[in-house]
Amino acid sequence: MTTTGNYVAGAFDGQQLLGACFGPSAHPPTGSPHSHIAGVTPSGLGRGLGFALKPINALWALRRHTHTISWTSRPAGVPQRPLQPD
């Protein structure tokens, strides 16, 4: 995903992935990217990982000189869904 200009980040405890965030880039590259999803595994809950991953996504966009980023948000009343490892 990153080789085509998309944003992907992970939160790890050693080698264990505890959370991830993904956002597709906009085309052309100077367009506005989209922050699509962030998720945390059950063992990563309560560590503030989702809260930490989203601002990193915004910093990634700013470093590419974008002025806006669109965000996917969870509708009110819909429960959070944990990231399901393979």
C-alpha atoms as a PDB file:
ATOM      1  CA  MET A   1       0.000   0.000   0.000  1.00  0.00           C
ATOM      2  CA  THR A   2       2.737   2.492   0.844  1.00  0.00           C
ATOM      3  CA  THR A   3       4.554   1.948  -2.452  1.00  0.00           C
ATOM      4  CA  THR A   4       1.598   3.557  -4.241  1.00  0.00           C
ATOM      5  CA  GLY A   5       1.562   6.578  -1.919  1.00  0.00           C
ATOM      6  CA  ASN A   6      -0.995   5.415   0.622  1.00  0.00           C
ATOM      7  CA  TYR A   7      -0.679   5.890   4.368  1.00  0.00           C
ATOM      8  CA  VAL A   8      -0.227   2.835   6.596  1.00  0.00           C
ATOM      9  CA  ALA A   9       0.954   2.898  10.211  1.00  0.00           C
ATOM     10  CA  GLY A  10       1.092   0.344  12.985  1.00  0.00           C
ATOM     11  CA  ALA A  11       1.434   0.316  16.756  1.00  0.00           C
ATOM     12  CA  PHE A  12       3.596  -2.517  18.038  1.00  0.00           C
ATOM     13  CA  ASP A  13       4.594  -4.072  21.325  1.00  0.00           C
ATOM     14  CA  GLY A  14       7.806  -5.773  20.246  1.00  0.00           C
ATOM     15  CA  GLN A  15       6.848  -7.853  17.213  1.00  0.00           C
ATOM     16  CA  GLN A  16       3.127  -7.919  18.058  1.00  0.00           C
ATOM     17  CA  LEU A  17       0.881  -5.573  16.043  1.00  0.00           C
ATOM     18  CA  LEU A  18      -1.596  -3.955  18.430  1.00  0.00           C
ATOM     19  CA  GLY A  19      -3.161  -1.312  16.207  1.00  0.00           C
ATOM     20  CA  ALA A  20      -3.131   0.068  12.690  1.00  0.00           C
ATOM     21  CA  CYS A  21      -4.307   3.043  10.664  1.00  0.00           C
ATOM     22  CA  PHE A  22      -4.821   3.274   6.883  1.00  0.00           C
ATOM     23  CA  GLY A  23      -5.628   6.088   4.485  1.00  0.00           C
ATOM     24  CA  PRO A  24      -5.604   6.110   0.699  1.00  0.00           C
ATOM     25  CA  SER A  25      -3.786   8.958  -0.992  1.00  0.00           C
ATOM     26  CA  ALA A  26      -5.539  11.281  -3.385  1.00  0.00           C
ATOM     27  CA  HIS A  27      -4.761  11.471  -7.056  1.00  0.00           C
ATOM     28  CA  PRO A  28      -3.112  13.575  -8.203  1.00  0.00           C
ATOM     29  CA  PRO A  29      -0.662  13.410  -5.276  1.00  0.00           C
ATOM     30  CA  THR A  30      -1.341  17.069  -4.491  1.00  0.00           C
ATOM     31  CA  GLY A  31      -5.026  16.319  -3.778  1.00  0.00           C
ATOM     32  CA  SER A  32      -6.555  15.735  -0.351  1.00  0.00           C
ATOM     33  CA  PRO A  33      -5.890  12.324   1.227  1.00  0.00           C
ATOM     34  CA  HIS A  34      -8.492  10.404   3.205  1.00  0.00           C
ATOM     35  CA  SER A  35      -8.033   8.892   6.651  1.00  0.00           C
ATOM     36  CA  HIS A  36     -10.083   5.744   6.327  1.00  0.00           C
ATOM     37  CA  ILE A  37      -9.746   3.462   9.332  1.00  0.00           C
ATOM     38  CA  ALA A  38      -7.908   2.906  12.596  1.00  0.00           C
ATOM     39  CA  GLY A  39      -8.254  -0.190  14.727  1.00  0.00           C
ATOM     40  CA  VAL A  40      -6.797  -1.738  17.849  1.00  0.00           C
ATOM     41  CA  THR A  41      -6.627  -5.403  18.818  1.00  0.00           C
ATOM     42  CA  PRO A  42      -8.197  -6.483  22.108  1.00  0.00           C
ATOM     43  CA  SER A  43      -4.741  -6.703  23.721  1.00  0.00           C
ATOM     44  CA  GLY A  44      -4.068  -3.101  22.642  1.00  0.00           C
ATOM     45  CA  LEU A  45      -7.206  -1.634  24.203  1.00  0.00           C
ATOM     46  CA  GLY A  46      -6.796   0.964  26.933  1.00  0.00           C
ATOM     47  CA  ARG A  47      -3.353   2.112  25.767  1.00  0.00           C
ATOM     48  CA  GLY A  48      -4.425   5.167  23.767  1.00  0.00           C
ATOM     49  CA  LEU A  49      -3.190   3.618  20.516  1.00  0.00           C
ATOM     50  CA  GLY A  50      -6.082   4.737  18.308  1.00  0.00           C
ATOM     51  CA  PHE A  51      -5.768   8.247  19.706  1.00  0.00           C
ATOM     52  CA  ALA A  52      -2.034   8.181  18.910  1.00  0.00           C
ATOM     53  CA  LEU A  53      -2.331   6.780  15.369  1.00  0.00           C
ATOM     54  CA  LYS A  54      -4.771   9.335  13.925  1.00  0.00           C
ATOM     55  CA  PRO A  55      -2.589  12.442  14.562  1.00  0.00           C
ATOM     56  CA  ILE A  56       0.339  10.637  12.929  1.00  0.00           C
ATOM     57  CA  ASN A  57      -1.900  10.278   9.864  1.00  0.00           C
ATOM     58  CA  ALA A  58      -2.472  14.046   9.871  1.00  0.00           C
ATOM     59  CA  LEU A  59       1.275  14.714  10.202  1.00  0.00           C
ATOM     60  CA  TRP A  60       1.892  12.419   7.219  1.00  0.00           C
ATOM     61  CA  ALA A  61      -0.528  14.548   5.159  1.00  0.00           C
ATOM     62  CA  LEU A  62       1.054  17.819   6.280  1.00  0.00           C
ATOM     63  CA  ARG A  63       4.514  16.599   5.285  1.00  0.00           C
ATOM     64  CA  ARG A  64       3.102  16.136   1.772  1.00  0.00           C
ATOM     65  CA  HIS A  65       1.973  19.781   1.754  1.00  0.00           C
ATOM     66  CA  THR A  66      -1.722  18.967   1.775  1.00  0.00           C
ATOM     67  CA  HIS A  67      -4.065  21.520   3.284  1.00  0.00           C
ATOM     68  CA  THR A  68      -7.027  19.263   4.004  1.00  0.00           C
ATOM     69  CA  ILE A  69      -7.635  15.649   4.927  1.00  0.00           C
ATOM     70  CA  SER A  70     -11.003  13.906   4.986  1.00  0.00           C
ATOM     71  CA  TRP A  71     -11.806  11.614   7.893  1.00  0.00           C
ATOM     72  CA  THR A  72     -14.090   8.609   8.261  1.00  0.00           C
ATOM     73  CA  SER A  73     -15.957   8.781  11.552  1.00  0.00           C
ATOM     74  CA  ARG A  74     -17.990   6.226  13.451  1.00  0.00           C
ATOM     75  CA  PRO A  75     -21.714   7.061  13.482  1.00  0.00           C
ATOM     76  CA  ALA A  76     -23.160   7.724  16.933  1.00  0.00           C
ATOM     77  CA  GLY A  77     -24.456   4.607  18.630  1.00  0.00           C
ATOM     78  CA  VAL A  78     -22.450   2.178  16.489  1.00  0.00           C
ATOM     79  CA  PRO A  79     -20.025   0.195  18.666  1.00  0.00           C
ATOM     80  CA  GLN A  80     -16.299   0.150  17.931  1.00  0.00           C
ATOM     81  CA  ARG A  81     -15.199  -3.031  16.154  1.00  0.00           C
ATOM     82  CA  PRO A  82     -11.892  -4.588  17.226  1.00  0.00           C
ATOM     83  CA  LEU A  83      -9.198  -5.288  14.656  1.00  0.00           C
ATOM     84  CA  GLN A  84      -9.300  -8.987  13.883  1.00  0.00           C
ATOM     85  CA  PRO A  85      -5.846 -10.560  13.448  1.00  0.00           C
ATOM     86  CA  ASP A  86      -5.494 -13.344  10.861  1.00  0.00           C
END
